[in-house]
PDB file of N, CA and C in Angstrom:
ATOM      1  N   MET A   1     -12.174 -66.720  -9.504  1.00  0.00           N
ATOM      2  CA  MET A   1     -12.754 -65.913  -8.112  1.00  0.00           C
ATOM      3  C   MET A   1     -10.653 -65.991  -7.431  1.00  0.00           C
ATOM      4  N   ASN A   2     -10.609 -64.929  -6.910  1.00  0.00           N
ATOM      5  CA  ASN A   2      -9.488 -65.033  -6.118  1.00  0.00           C
ATOM      6  C   ASN A   2      -9.967 -65.388  -4.774  1.00  0.00           C
ATOM      7  N   VAL A   3      -9.937 -66.663  -4.037  1.00  0.00           N
ATOM      8  CA  VAL A   3      -9.835 -67.179  -2.516  1.00  0.00           C
ATOM      9  C   VAL A   3      -8.985 -66.153  -1.841  1.00  0.00           C
ATOM     10  N   TYR A   4      -8.048 -66.125  -2.125  1.00  0.00           N
ATOM     11  CA  TYR A   4      -6.556 -65.226  -1.313  1.00  0.00           C
ATOM     12  C   TYR A   4      -6.958 -63.665  -1.081  1.00  0.00           C
ATOM     13  N   GLY A   5      -7.414 -63.468  -2.234  1.00  0.00           N
ATOM     14  CA  GLY A   5      -8.042 -61.971  -2.089  1.00  0.00           C
ATOM     15  C   GLY A   5      -9.449 -61.556  -1.559  1.00  0.00           C
ATOM     16  N   LEU A   6     -10.269 -62.779  -0.987  1.00  0.00           N
ATOM     17  CA  LEU A   6     -11.570 -62.653  -0.556  1.00  0.00           C
ATOM     18  C   LEU A   6     -10.951 -62.521   0.865  1.00  0.00           C
ATOM     19  N   ILE A   7     -10.262 -63.697   0.976  1.00  0.00           N
ATOM     20  CA  ILE A   7      -9.521 -63.760   2.513  1.00  0.00           C
ATOM     21  C   ILE A   7      -8.819 -62.603   2.655  1.00  0.00           C
ATOM     22  N   ALA A   8      -8.275 -61.966   2.217  1.00  0.00           N
ATOM     23  CA  ALA A   8      -7.458 -60.885   2.947  1.00  0.00           C
ATOM     24  C   ALA A   8      -8.450 -59.393   3.022  1.00  0.00           C
ATOM     25  N   TYR A   9      -9.343 -59.459   2.230  1.00  0.00           N
ATOM     26  CA  TYR A   9     -10.454 -58.227   2.183  1.00  0.00           C
ATOM     27  C   TYR A   9     -11.439 -58.717   3.684  1.00  0.00           C
ATOM     28  N   SER A  10     -11.641 -59.579   3.649  1.00  0.00           N
ATOM     29  CA  SER A  10     -12.390 -60.391   5.156  1.00  0.00           C
ATOM     30  C   SER A  10     -11.390 -60.059   6.183  1.00  0.00           C
ATOM     31  N   PHE A  11     -10.380 -60.735   6.254  1.00  0.00           N
ATOM     32  CA  PHE A  11      -9.553 -60.480   7.549  1.00  0.00           C
ATOM     33  C   PHE A  11      -9.314 -59.125   7.449  1.00  0.00           C
ATOM     34  N   ALA A  12      -9.191 -58.405   6.412  1.00  0.00           N
ATOM     35  CA  ALA A  12      -8.690 -56.906   7.029  1.00  0.00           C
ATOM     36  C   ALA A  12     -10.142 -55.888   7.424  1.00  0.00           C
ATOM     37  N   TYR A  13     -11.210 -56.191   7.010  1.00  0.00           N
ATOM     38  CA  TYR A  13     -12.460 -55.588   7.472  1.00  0.00           C
ATOM     39  C   TYR A  13     -12.633 -56.296   8.701  1.00  0.00           C
ATOM     40  N   ALA A  14     -12.632 -57.440   9.001  1.00  0.00           N
ATOM     41  CA  ALA A  14     -12.454 -57.787  10.520  1.00  0.00           C
ATOM     42  C   ALA A  14     -11.533 -57.305  11.468  1.00  0.00           C
ATOM     43  N   LEU A  15     -10.709 -56.777  10.935  1.00  0.00           N
ATOM     44  CA  LEU A  15      -9.327 -56.554  11.814  1.00  0.00           C
ATOM     45  C   LEU A  15      -9.874 -55.539  12.349  1.00  0.00           C
ATOM     46  N   PHE A  16     -10.093 -54.288  11.277  1.00  0.00           N
ATOM     47  CA  PHE A  16     -10.515 -52.886  11.427  1.00  0.00           C
ATOM     48  C   PHE A  16     -11.684 -52.496  12.384  1.00  0.00           C
ATOM     49  N   ASN A  17     -12.697 -53.590  11.911  1.00  0.00           N
ATOM     50  CA  ASN A  17     -13.789 -53.536  12.941  1.00  0.00           C
ATOM     51  C   ASN A  17     -13.696 -53.905  14.427  1.00  0.00           C
ATOM     52  N   VAL A  18     -12.859 -54.926  14.878  1.00  0.00           N
ATOM     53  CA  VAL A  18     -12.708 -55.728  15.886  1.00  0.00           C
ATOM     54  C   VAL A  18     -11.574 -54.379  16.588  1.00  0.00           C
ATOM     55  N   ALA A  19     -10.641 -53.788  16.080  1.00  0.00           N
ATOM     56  CA  ALA A  19     -10.134 -53.088  16.702  1.00  0.00           C
ATOM     57  C   ALA A  19     -10.297 -51.662  17.045  1.00  0.00           C
ATOM     58  N   GLY A  20     -11.578 -51.844  16.432  1.00  0.00           N
ATOM     59  CA  GLY A  20     -12.769 -50.580  16.449  1.00  0.00           C
ATOM     60  C   GLY A  20     -13.646 -50.600  17.774  1.00  0.00           C
ATOM     61  N   ALA A  21     -14.108 -51.412  17.571  1.00  0.00           N
ATOM     62  CA  ALA A  21     -14.954 -51.926  18.821  1.00  0.00           C
ATOM     63  C   ALA A  21     -14.308 -51.725  19.780  1.00  0.00           C
ATOM     64  N   ALA A  22     -12.622 -52.619  20.111  1.00  0.00           N
ATOM     65  CA  ALA A  22     -12.035 -52.878  21.311  1.00  0.00           C
ATOM     66  C   ALA A  22     -12.035 -51.224  21.768  1.00  0.00           C
ATOM     67  N   LEU A  23     -11.967 -50.484  20.959  1.00  0.00           N
ATOM     68  CA  LEU A  23     -11.209 -48.770  21.306  1.00  0.00           C
ATOM     69  C   LEU A  23     -12.413 -48.077  22.008  1.00  0.00           C
ATOM     70  N   ILE A  24     -13.536 -48.322  21.510  1.00  0.00           N
ATOM     71  CA  ILE A  24     -14.624 -47.943  21.966  1.00  0.00           C
ATOM     72  C   ILE A  24     -14.685 -48.739  23.332  1.00  0.00           C
ATOM     73  N   LYS A  25     -15.042 -50.086  23.492  1.00  0.00           N
ATOM     74  CA  LYS A  25     -15.343 -50.643  24.686  1.00  0.00           C
ATOM     75  C   LYS A  25     -13.928 -50.407  25.834  1.00  0.00           C
ATOM     76  N   SER A  26     -12.766 -50.256  25.294  1.00  0.00           N
ATOM     77  CA  SER A  26     -11.735 -49.615  26.270  1.00  0.00           C
ATOM     78  C   SER A  26     -12.479 -48.325  26.494  1.00  0.00           C
ATOM     79  N   GLN A  27     -12.752 -47.190  26.048  1.00  0.00           N
ATOM     80  CA  GLN A  27     -12.940 -45.876  26.197  1.00  0.00           C
ATOM     81  C   GLN A  27     -14.412 -46.148  27.730  1.00  0.00           C
ATOM     82  N   ILE A  28     -14.891 -46.983  27.318  1.00  0.00           N
ATOM     83  CA  ILE A  28     -16.019 -47.168  28.130  1.00  0.00           C
ATOM     84  C   ILE A  28     -15.707 -47.309  29.235  1.00  0.00           C
ATOM     85  N   GLN A  29     -14.836 -48.801  29.397  1.00  0.00           N
ATOM     86  CA  GLN A  29     -14.280 -49.621  31.007  1.00  0.00           C
ATOM     87  C   GLN A  29     -13.600 -48.082  31.702  1.00  0.00           C
ATOM     88  N   THR A  30     -13.109 -47.636  30.760  1.00  0.00           N
ATOM     89  CA  THR A  30     -11.722 -46.117  31.638  1.00  0.00           C
ATOM     90  C   THR A  30     -12.536 -45.165  32.042  1.00  0.00           C
ATOM     91  N   GLY A  31     -13.663 -44.722  30.955  1.00  0.00           N
ATOM     92  CA  GLY A  31     -14.446 -43.273  31.249  1.00  0.00           C
ATOM     93  C   GLY A  31     -15.756 -43.600  32.258  1.00  0.00           C
ATOM     94  N   LYS A  32     -16.188 -44.811  32.200  1.00  0.00           N
ATOM     95  CA  LYS A  32     -17.187 -45.441  32.787  1.00  0.00           C
ATOM     96  C   LYS A  32     -18.521 -44.348  32.642  1.00  0.00           C
ATOM     97  N   PRO A  33     -18.779 -43.757  31.792  1.00  0.00           N
ATOM     98  CA  PRO A  33     -20.028 -43.028  31.212  1.00  0.00           C
ATOM     99  C   PRO A  33     -21.541 -43.679  32.011  1.00  0.00           C
ATOM    100  N   SER A  34     -21.980 -42.412  31.927  1.00  0.00           N
ATOM    101  CA  SER A  34     -23.595 -42.868  32.777  1.00  0.00           C
ATOM    102  C   SER A  34     -24.042 -43.259  31.083  1.00  0.00           C
ATOM    103  N   PHE A  35     -24.536 -42.513  30.607  1.00  0.00           N
ATOM    104  CA  PHE A  35     -25.360 -42.127  29.482  1.00  0.00           C
ATOM    105  C   PHE A  35     -26.765 -42.538  29.567  1.00  0.00           C
ATOM    106  N   ASN A  36     -26.883 -41.354  30.660  1.00  0.00           N
ATOM    107  CA  ASN A  36     -27.953 -40.765  31.303  1.00  0.00           C
ATOM    108  C   ASN A  36     -29.034 -39.812  30.292  1.00  0.00           C
ATOM    109  N   GLY A  37     -27.994 -39.029  29.568  1.00  0.00           N
ATOM    110  CA  GLY A  37     -28.457 -38.129  28.661  1.00  0.00           C
ATOM    111  C   GLY A  37     -27.650 -38.058  27.522  1.00  0.00           C
ATOM    112  N   ILE A  38     -28.301 -36.761  26.269  1.00  0.00           N
ATOM    113  CA  ILE A  38     -27.677 -36.696  25.101  1.00  0.00           C
ATOM    114  C   ILE A  38     -26.217 -36.068  25.382  1.00  0.00           C
ATOM    115  N   GLY A  39     -26.110 -35.244  26.275  1.00  0.00           N
ATOM    116  CA  GLY A  39     -24.925 -34.652  26.877  1.00  0.00           C
ATOM    117  C   GLY A  39     -23.723 -35.887  27.043  1.00  0.00           C
ATOM    118  N   ASP A  40     -24.085 -36.699  27.575  1.00  0.00           N
ATOM    119  CA  ASP A  40     -23.541 -37.926  28.113  1.00  0.00           C
ATOM    120  C   ASP A  40     -22.720 -38.102  26.878  1.00  0.00           C
ATOM    121  N   TYR A  41     -23.717 -38.918  25.930  1.00  0.00           N
ATOM    122  CA  TYR A  41     -23.252 -39.658  24.669  1.00  0.00           C
ATOM    123  C   TYR A  41     -22.284 -38.442  23.857  1.00  0.00           C
ATOM    124  N   LEU A  42     -22.910 -37.448  23.903  1.00  0.00           N
ATOM    125  CA  LEU A  42     -21.650 -36.429  23.515  1.00  0.00           C
ATOM    126  C   LEU A  42     -20.471 -36.066  23.818  1.00  0.00           C
ATOM    127  N   ILE A  43     -20.125 -36.221  24.774  1.00  0.00           N
ATOM    128  CA  ILE A  43     -18.547 -36.373  25.306  1.00  0.00           C
ATOM    129  C   ILE A  43     -18.024 -37.380  25.167  1.00  0.00           C
ATOM    130  N   PHE A  44     -18.871 -38.314  25.251  1.00  0.00           N
ATOM    131  CA  PHE A  44     -18.322 -39.823  25.207  1.00  0.00           C
ATOM    132  C   PHE A  44     -17.494 -39.884  23.539  1.00  0.00           C
ATOM    133  N   LEU A  45     -18.550 -39.459  22.413  1.00  0.00           N
ATOM    134  CA  LEU A  45     -18.479 -39.348  21.064  1.00  0.00           C
ATOM    135  C   LEU A  45     -16.819 -39.016  20.609  1.00  0.00           C
ATOM    136  N   LEU A  46     -16.722 -37.437  21.802  1.00  0.00           N
ATOM    137  CA  LEU A  46     -15.763 -36.714  21.568  1.00  0.00           C
ATOM    138  C   LEU A  46     -14.378 -36.890  22.113  1.00  0.00           C
ATOM    139  N   LYS A  47     -14.217 -38.186  22.480  1.00  0.00           N
ATOM    140  CA  LYS A  47     -13.223 -38.780  23.036  1.00  0.00           C
ATOM    141  C   LYS A  47     -12.041 -39.028  22.421  1.00  0.00           C
ATOM    142  N   ALA A  48     -10.828 -38.656  22.382  1.00  0.00           N
ATOM    143  CA  ALA A  48     -10.153 -39.549  21.145  1.00  0.00           C
ATOM    144  C   ALA A  48     -10.132 -40.590  20.874  1.00  0.00           C
ATOM    145  N   LYS A  49     -10.017 -41.728  21.869  1.00  0.00           N
ATOM    146  CA  LYS A  49     -10.237 -43.063  21.715  1.00  0.00           C
ATOM    147  C   LYS A  49     -11.759 -43.371  20.978  1.00  0.00           C
ATOM    148  N   THR A  50     -12.650 -43.264  21.030  1.00  0.00           N
ATOM    149  CA  THR A  50     -13.676 -43.475  20.781  1.00  0.00           C
ATOM    150  C   THR A  50     -13.884 -42.868  19.388  1.00  0.00           C
ATOM    151  N   LEU A  51     -13.351 -41.383  19.058  1.00  0.00           N
ATOM    152  CA  LEU A  51     -13.331 -41.465  17.676  1.00  0.00           C
ATOM    153  C   LEU A  51     -12.582 -42.251  16.786  1.00  0.00           C
ATOM    154  N   LEU A  52     -11.220 -42.491  17.473  1.00  0.00           N
ATOM    155  CA  LEU A  52     -10.136 -43.678  16.353  1.00  0.00           C
ATOM    156  C   LEU A  52     -11.285 -45.095  16.528  1.00  0.00           C
ATOM    157  N   GLY A  53     -11.912 -45.282  17.344  1.00  0.00           N
ATOM    158  CA  GLY A  53     -12.718 -46.535  17.220  1.00  0.00           C
ATOM    159  C   GLY A  53     -13.747 -45.925  16.229  1.00  0.00           C
ATOM    160  N   LEU A  54     -14.314 -45.472  16.110  1.00  0.00           N
ATOM    161  CA  LEU A  54     -15.220 -45.099  14.931  1.00  0.00           C
ATOM    162  C   LEU A  54     -14.527 -44.398  13.364  1.00  0.00           C
ATOM    163  N   GLU A  55     -13.426 -44.548  13.718  1.00  0.00           N
ATOM    164  CA  GLU A  55     -12.706 -44.363  12.676  1.00  0.00           C
ATOM    165  C   GLU A  55     -12.535 -45.374  12.075  1.00  0.00           C
ATOM    166  N   LEU A  56     -12.068 -46.301  12.758  1.00  0.00           N
ATOM    167  CA  LEU A  56     -11.873 -47.786  12.517  1.00  0.00           C
ATOM    168  C   LEU A  56     -13.132 -48.729  11.992  1.00  0.00           C
ATOM    169  N   VAL A  57     -13.808 -48.544  12.378  1.00  0.00           N
ATOM    170  CA  VAL A  57     -15.319 -48.869  12.310  1.00  0.00           C
ATOM    171  C   VAL A  57     -15.349 -48.935  10.804  1.00  0.00           C
ATOM    172  N   PHE A  58     -15.783 -47.177  10.507  1.00  0.00           N
ATOM    173  CA  PHE A  58     -15.915 -46.508   9.211  1.00  0.00           C
ATOM    174  C   PHE A  58     -14.974 -47.332   8.311  1.00  0.00           C
ATOM    175  N   LEU A  59     -13.607 -47.747   8.219  1.00  0.00           N
ATOM    176  CA  LEU A  59     -12.354 -48.023   7.410  1.00  0.00           C
ATOM    177  C   LEU A  59     -12.852 -49.586   6.997  1.00  0.00           C
ATOM    178  N   ALA A  60     -13.590 -50.352   7.828  1.00  0.00           N
ATOM    179  CA  ALA A  60     -13.475 -51.600   7.872  1.00  0.00           C
ATOM    180  C   ALA A  60     -14.863 -51.441   6.894  1.00  0.00           C
ATOM    181  N   ALA A  61     -15.764 -50.826   7.001  1.00  0.00           N
ATOM    182  CA  ALA A  61     -16.790 -50.706   6.464  1.00  0.00           C
ATOM    183  C   ALA A  61     -16.408 -50.269   4.851  1.00  0.00           C
ATOM    184  N   LEU A  62     -15.302 -49.388   4.727  1.00  0.00           N
ATOM    185  CA  LEU A  62     -14.887 -48.938   3.087  1.00  0.00           C
ATOM    186  C   LEU A  62     -14.602 -50.778   2.797  1.00  0.00           C
ATOM    187  N   ILE A  63     -13.708 -51.140   3.306  1.00  0.00           N
ATOM    188  CA  ILE A  63     -13.036 -52.471   2.934  1.00  0.00           C
ATOM    189  C   ILE A  63     -14.272 -53.302   3.073  1.00  0.00           C
ATOM    190  N   LEU A  64     -15.176 -53.428   3.391  1.00  0.00           N
ATOM    191  CA  LEU A  64     -16.102 -54.426   3.449  1.00  0.00           C
ATOM    192  C   LEU A  64     -17.144 -54.158   2.057  1.00  0.00           C
ATOM    193  N   PHE A  65     -16.800 -52.797   1.667  1.00  0.00           N
ATOM    194  CA  PHE A  65     -18.131 -52.280   0.361  1.00  0.00           C
ATOM    195  C   PHE A  65     -16.549 -52.751  -0.978  1.00  0.00           C
ATOM    196  N   LYS A  66     -15.880 -52.534  -0.494  1.00  0.00           N
ATOM    197  CA  LYS A  66     -14.610 -53.013  -1.841  1.00  0.00           C
ATOM    198  C   LYS A  66     -14.578 -54.682  -1.923  1.00  0.00           C
ATOM    199  N   ALA A  67     -14.907 -55.348  -0.827  1.00  0.00           N
ATOM    200  CA  ALA A  67     -14.448 -56.743  -1.178  1.00  0.00           C
ATOM    201  C   ALA A  67     -16.500 -57.103  -1.670  1.00  0.00           C
ATOM    202  N   LEU A  68     -17.290 -56.447  -1.150  1.00  0.00           N
ATOM    203  CA  LEU A  68     -18.517 -56.705  -2.094  1.00  0.00           C
ATOM    204  C   LEU A  68     -18.793 -56.411  -3.545  1.00  0.00           C
ATOM    205  N   SER A  69     -18.055 -55.488  -3.883  1.00  0.00           N
ATOM    206  CA  SER A  69     -17.639 -54.893  -5.233  1.00  0.00           C
ATOM    207  C   SER A  69     -17.235 -56.261  -6.103  1.00  0.00           C
ATOM    208  N   LEU A  70     -16.082 -56.658  -5.590  1.00  0.00           N
ATOM    209  CA  LEU A  70     -15.439 -57.732  -6.342  1.00  0.00           C
ATOM    210  C   LEU A  70     -15.806 -59.214  -6.150  1.00  0.00           C
ATOM    211  N   TYR A  71     -16.621 -59.614  -5.131  1.00  0.00           N
ATOM    212  CA  TYR A  71     -16.816 -60.840  -4.911  1.00  0.00           C
ATOM    213  C   TYR A  71     -18.287 -61.064  -4.659  1.00  0.00           C
ATOM    214  N   GLU A  72     -18.989 -62.362  -4.417  1.00  0.00           N
ATOM    215  CA  GLU A  72     -20.377 -62.646  -4.442  1.00  0.00           C
ATOM    216  C   GLU A  72     -20.425 -62.138  -2.963  1.00  0.00           C
ATOM    217  N   PHE A  73     -21.961 -61.835  -3.001  1.00  0.00           N
ATOM    218  CA  PHE A  73     -22.411 -61.480  -1.393  1.00  0.00           C
ATOM    219  C   PHE A  73     -22.392 -63.088  -0.159  1.00  0.00           C
ATOM    220  N   THR A  74     -22.843 -64.100  -1.027  1.00  0.00           N
ATOM    221  CA  THR A  74     -22.939 -64.789  -0.329  1.00  0.00           C
ATOM    222  C   THR A  74     -21.216 -65.495   0.007  1.00  0.00           C
ATOM    223  N   ARG A  75     -20.465 -65.053  -0.321  1.00  0.00           N
ATOM    224  CA  ARG A  75     -19.276 -65.665   0.071  1.00  0.00           C
ATOM    225  C   ARG A  75     -18.361 -64.533   0.780  1.00  0.00           C
ATOM    226  N   VAL A  76     -18.977 -63.421   0.665  1.00  0.00           N
ATOM    227  CA  VAL A  76     -18.001 -62.000   1.305  1.00  0.00           C
ATOM    228  C   VAL A  76     -18.436 -61.967   2.897  1.00  0.00           C
ATOM    229  N   ILE A  77     -19.852 -61.745   2.907  1.00  0.00           N
ATOM    230  CA  ILE A  77     -20.539 -61.686   4.243  1.00  0.00           C
ATOM    231  C   ILE A  77     -20.173 -62.943   5.218  1.00  0.00           C
ATOM    232  N   PRO A  78     -20.340 -63.979   4.786  1.00  0.00           N
ATOM    233  CA  PRO A  78     -20.407 -65.566   5.862  1.00  0.00           C
ATOM    234  C   PRO A  78     -18.900 -65.185   6.186  1.00  0.00           C
ATOM    235  N   LEU A  79     -17.855 -65.023   5.299  1.00  0.00           N
ATOM    236  CA  LEU A  79     -16.065 -65.245   5.766  1.00  0.00           C
ATOM    237  C   LEU A  79     -15.741 -63.993   6.646  1.00  0.00           C
ATOM    238  N   SER A  80     -16.496 -62.718   5.985  1.00  0.00           N
ATOM    239  CA  SER A  80     -15.807 -61.658   6.596  1.00  0.00           C
ATOM    240  C   SER A  80     -16.681 -61.731   8.618  1.00  0.00           C
ATOM    241  N   ILE A  81     -17.877 -62.088   8.046  1.00  0.00           N
ATOM    242  CA  ILE A  81     -18.434 -61.767   9.739  1.00  0.00           C
ATOM    243  C   ILE A  81     -17.543 -63.352  10.613  1.00  0.00           C
ATOM    244  N   GLY A  82     -17.445 -64.151  10.243  1.00  0.00           N
ATOM    245  CA  GLY A  82     -16.478 -65.494  10.712  1.00  0.00           C
ATOM    246  C   GLY A  82     -15.586 -65.324  10.936  1.00  0.00           C
ATOM    247  N   ILE A  83     -14.321 -64.574  10.365  1.00  0.00           N
ATOM    248  CA  ILE A  83     -13.372 -64.218  11.302  1.00  0.00           C
ATOM    249  C   ILE A  83     -13.361 -62.671  11.789  1.00  0.00           C
ATOM    250  N   ASN A  84     -14.580 -62.074  11.475  1.00  0.00           N
ATOM    251  CA  ASN A  84     -14.775 -60.683  12.758  1.00  0.00           C
ATOM    252  C   ASN A  84     -15.209 -61.884  14.071  1.00  0.00           C
ATOM    253  N   PHE A  85     -15.929 -62.574  14.549  1.00  0.00           N
ATOM    254  CA  PHE A  85     -16.578 -63.163  15.792  1.00  0.00           C
ATOM    255  C   PHE A  85     -15.204 -63.856  16.108  1.00  0.00           C
ATOM    256  N   ILE A  86     -14.282 -64.582  15.381  1.00  0.00           N
ATOM    257  CA  ILE A  86     -13.195 -65.291  15.965  1.00  0.00           C
ATOM    258  C   ILE A  86     -11.985 -64.049  16.374  1.00  0.00           C
ATOM    259  N   LEU A  87     -11.820 -63.398  15.709  1.00  0.00           N
ATOM    260  CA  LEU A  87     -11.265 -62.247  16.217  1.00  0.00           C
ATOM    261  C   LEU A  87     -11.492 -61.643  17.398  1.00  0.00           C
ATOM    262  N   THR A  88     -13.176 -61.153  17.517  1.00  0.00           N
ATOM    263  CA  THR A  88     -13.679 -60.678  18.749  1.00  0.00           C
ATOM    264  C   THR A  88     -13.212 -61.559  20.194  1.00  0.00           C
ATOM    265  N   ALA A  89     -13.250 -62.783  19.726  1.00  0.00           N
ATOM    266  CA  ALA A  89     -13.666 -63.516  20.542  1.00  0.00           C
ATOM    267  C   ALA A  89     -12.043 -63.456  21.824  1.00  0.00           C
ATOM    268  N   ALA A  90     -10.904 -63.571  20.473  1.00  0.00           N
ATOM    269  CA  ALA A  90      -9.574 -63.505  20.823  1.00  0.00           C
ATOM    270  C   ALA A  90      -9.118 -62.500  21.610  1.00  0.00           C
ATOM    271  N   LEU A  91      -9.684 -61.405  21.093  1.00  0.00           N
ATOM    272  CA  LEU A  91      -9.339 -59.747  21.462  1.00  0.00           C
ATOM    273  C   LEU A  91     -10.111 -59.760  22.773  1.00  0.00           C
ATOM    274  N   GLY A  92     -11.326 -60.227  22.826  1.00  0.00           N
ATOM    275  CA  GLY A  92     -12.138 -60.204  24.185  1.00  0.00           C
ATOM    276  C   GLY A  92     -11.539 -61.423  25.291  1.00  0.00           C
ATOM    277  N   HIS A  93     -10.602 -62.254  24.875  1.00  0.00           N
ATOM    278  CA  HIS A  93      -9.929 -63.017  25.976  1.00  0.00           C
ATOM    279  C   HIS A  93      -8.460 -62.716  26.357  1.00  0.00           C
ATOM    280  N   PHE A  94      -8.181 -61.995  25.480  1.00  0.00           N
ATOM    281  CA  PHE A  94      -6.656 -61.333  25.745  1.00  0.00           C
ATOM    282  C   PHE A  94      -6.739 -60.042  26.307  1.00  0.00           C
ATOM    283  N   TRP A  95      -7.646 -59.163  25.577  1.00  0.00           N
ATOM    284  CA  TRP A  95      -7.523 -57.684  26.191  1.00  0.00           C
ATOM    285  C   TRP A  95      -8.606 -57.365  27.100  1.00  0.00           C
ATOM    286  N   PHE A  96     -10.180 -57.927  27.328  1.00  0.00           N
ATOM    287  CA  PHE A  96     -10.518 -57.813  28.177  1.00  0.00           C
ATOM    288  C   PHE A  96     -10.735 -59.330  28.926  1.00  0.00           C
ATOM    289  N   HIS A  97      -9.810 -59.835  29.034  1.00  0.00           N
ATOM    290  CA  HIS A  97      -9.812 -61.486  29.878  1.00  0.00           C
ATOM    291  C   HIS A  97     -11.164 -61.623  30.003  1.00  0.00           C
ATOM    292  N   GLU A  98     -11.916 -62.107  29.041  1.00  0.00           N
ATOM    293  CA  GLU A  98     -13.325 -62.583  29.327  1.00  0.00           C
ATOM    294  C   GLU A  98     -12.814 -64.353  28.962  1.00  0.00           C
ATOM    295  N   SER A  99     -13.839 -65.180  29.414  1.00  0.00           N
ATOM    296  CA  SER A  99     -13.644 -66.559  29.458  1.00  0.00           C
ATOM    297  C   SER A  99     -13.763 -67.043  28.077  1.00  0.00           C
ATOM    298  N   LEU A 100     -12.885 -68.314  27.705  1.00  0.00           N
ATOM    299  CA  LEU A 100     -13.057 -68.883  26.740  1.00  0.00           C
ATOM    300  C   LEU A 100     -12.925 -70.407  26.875  1.00  0.00           C
ATOM    301  N   PRO A 101     -14.576 -70.880  27.125  1.00  0.00           N
ATOM    302  CA  PRO A 101     -14.524 -72.220  27.513  1.00  0.00           C
ATOM    303  C   PRO A 101     -14.455 -73.046  26.374  1.00  0.00           C
ATOM    304  N   LEU A 102     -14.176 -74.364  26.611  1.00  0.00           N
ATOM    305  CA  LEU A 102     -14.253 -75.680  25.494  1.00  0.00           C
ATOM    306  C   LEU A 102     -15.616 -75.160  24.326  1.00  0.00           C
ATOM    307  N   MET A 103     -16.864 -75.222  25.077  1.00  0.00           N
ATOM    308  CA  MET A 103     -17.848 -75.593  24.378  1.00  0.00           C
ATOM    309  C   MET A 103     -17.931 -74.083  23.283  1.00  0.00           C
ATOM    310  N   LYS A 104     -17.555 -73.223  23.970  1.00  0.00           N
ATOM    311  CA  LYS A 104     -17.323 -72.002  22.900  1.00  0.00           C
ATOM    312  C   LYS A 104     -16.059 -71.652  21.904  1.00  0.00           C
ATOM    313  N   LEU A 105     -14.828 -72.332  22.539  1.00  0.00           N
ATOM    314  CA  LEU A 105     -13.865 -72.682  21.541  1.00  0.00           C
ATOM    315  C   LEU A 105     -14.542 -73.787  20.299  1.00  0.00           C
ATOM    316  N   SER A 106     -15.198 -74.447  20.746  1.00  0.00           N
ATOM    317  CA  SER A 106     -15.585 -75.471  19.692  1.00  0.00           C
ATOM    318  C   SER A 106     -16.657 -74.625  18.584  1.00  0.00           C
ATOM    319  N   GLY A 107     -17.365 -74.048  19.275  1.00  0.00           N
ATOM    320  CA  GLY A 107     -18.053 -73.487  18.537  1.00  0.00           C
ATOM    321  C   GLY A 107     -17.605 -72.578  17.222  1.00  0.00           C
ATOM    322  N   MET A 108     -16.574 -71.548  18.057  1.00  0.00           N
ATOM    323  CA  MET A 108     -16.018 -70.862  17.070  1.00  0.00           C
ATOM    324  C   MET A 108     -15.581 -71.462  16.374  1.00  0.00           C
ATOM    325  N   GLY A 109     -14.890 -72.671  16.220  1.00  0.00           N
ATOM    326  CA  GLY A 109     -14.131 -73.299  15.139  1.00  0.00           C
ATOM    327  C   GLY A 109     -14.776 -74.051  14.390  1.00  0.00           C
ATOM    328  N   LEU A 110     -16.114 -74.489  14.876  1.00  0.00           N
ATOM    329  CA  LEU A 110     -17.393 -74.837  13.576  1.00  0.00           C
ATOM    330  C   LEU A 110     -18.096 -73.587  12.754  1.00  0.00           C
ATOM    331  N   ILE A 111     -17.712 -72.197  13.611  1.00  0.00           N
ATOM    332  CA  ILE A 111     -18.321 -71.250  12.509  1.00  0.00           C
ATOM    333  C   ILE A 111     -17.316 -70.734  11.746  1.00  0.00           C
ATOM    334  N   LEU A 112     -15.880 -71.237  12.115  1.00  0.00           N
ATOM    335  CA  LEU A 112     -14.781 -70.521  11.035  1.00  0.00           C
ATOM    336  C   LEU A 112     -14.599 -71.725   9.646  1.00  0.00           C
ATOM    337  N   ALA A 113     -15.201 -72.979  10.334  1.00  0.00           N
ATOM    338  CA  ALA A 113     -14.880 -74.051   9.116  1.00  0.00           C
ATOM    339  C   ALA A 113     -16.090 -73.643   8.246  1.00  0.00           C
ATOM    340  N   GLY A 114     -17.279 -73.519   8.988  1.00  0.00           N
ATOM    341  CA  GLY A 114     -18.499 -73.160   8.042  1.00  0.00           C
ATOM    342  C   GLY A 114     -18.104 -71.845   7.020  1.00  0.00           C
ATOM    343  N   SER A 115     -17.734 -70.797   7.334  1.00  0.00           N
ATOM    344  CA  SER A 115     -17.120 -69.695   6.980  1.00  0.00           C
ATOM    345  C   SER A 115     -16.519 -69.852   5.992  1.00  0.00           C
ATOM    346  N   ILE A 116     -15.354 -70.583   6.098  1.00  0.00           N
ATOM    347  CA  ILE A 116     -14.458 -71.167   4.895  1.00  0.00           C
ATOM    348  C   ILE A 116     -14.939 -71.983   3.969  1.00  0.00           C
ATOM    349  N   LEU A 117     -15.676 -72.747   4.149  1.00  0.00           N
ATOM    350  CA  LEU A 117     -16.303 -73.907   3.084  1.00  0.00           C
ATOM    351  C   LEU A 117     -17.245 -72.451   2.195  1.00  0.00           C
ATOM    352  N   ILE A 118     -18.178 -72.087   2.797  1.00  0.00           N
ATOM    353  CA  ILE A 118     -18.537 -70.727   2.142  1.00  0.00           C
ATOM    354  C   ILE A 118     -18.336 -70.504   1.275  1.00  0.00           C
ATOM    355  N   ALA A 119     -17.016 -69.724   1.827  1.00  0.00           N
ATOM    356  CA  ALA A 119     -16.233 -68.738   0.847  1.00  0.00           C
ATOM    357  C   ALA A 119     -15.313 -69.565  -0.795  1.00  0.00           C
ATOM    358  N   VAL A 120     -15.166 -70.737  -0.087  1.00  0.00           N
ATOM    359  CA  VAL A 120     -14.260 -71.567  -1.122  1.00  0.00           C
ATOM    360  C   VAL A 120     -14.985 -72.396  -2.385  1.00  0.00           C
ATOM    361  N   THR A 121     -16.340 -72.473  -1.737  1.00  0.00           N
ATOM    362  CA  THR A 121     -17.007 -73.523  -2.555  1.00  0.00           C
ATOM    363  C   THR A 121     -17.778 -72.862  -3.651  1.00  0.00           C
ATOM    364  N   LYS A 122     -17.854 -73.754  -4.877  1.00  0.00           N
ATOM    365  CA  LYS A 122     -18.032 -72.713  -6.491  1.00  0.00           C
ATOM    366  C   LYS A 122     -19.298 -73.004  -6.748  1.00  0.00           C
TER     367      LYS A 122
END
C-alpha cells in the first residue's frame, strides 16, 4: 500500500470538501436567506457561489470514490475525515473568525494523530 497516495487522496478530498462547504457558508452569511419556503432554497441554490461550492463538494466525493477504489475503507475514511476535520477547524478560525481554545486544539491533535495511526498501521 502506498501511504503517500492515500494521504494525497485524503488531503485532496478534504481540501475540496471544506472549500465547497466554506463557499456555501459564505453565501449564507452574505445573502442571509430566510429558508422559509422552497422558493428561498431554490434562489439560494442558484447563486454562483453556492453552485461553485456544490461543485467542489461533488469533486471531493469523486476523489473519495477513487481513494476507496484503491485503498481499504478502514484506512480511507478515518484519514479523510480526520484531515477534513482539521481543515474545517482551521478555515473556521481564519476565515469565519471562530475561536480555537486549547481544549479544541488538543482534541484536533488527538483526532489527527489517531487518523494517521489508523491509516499507516498494517
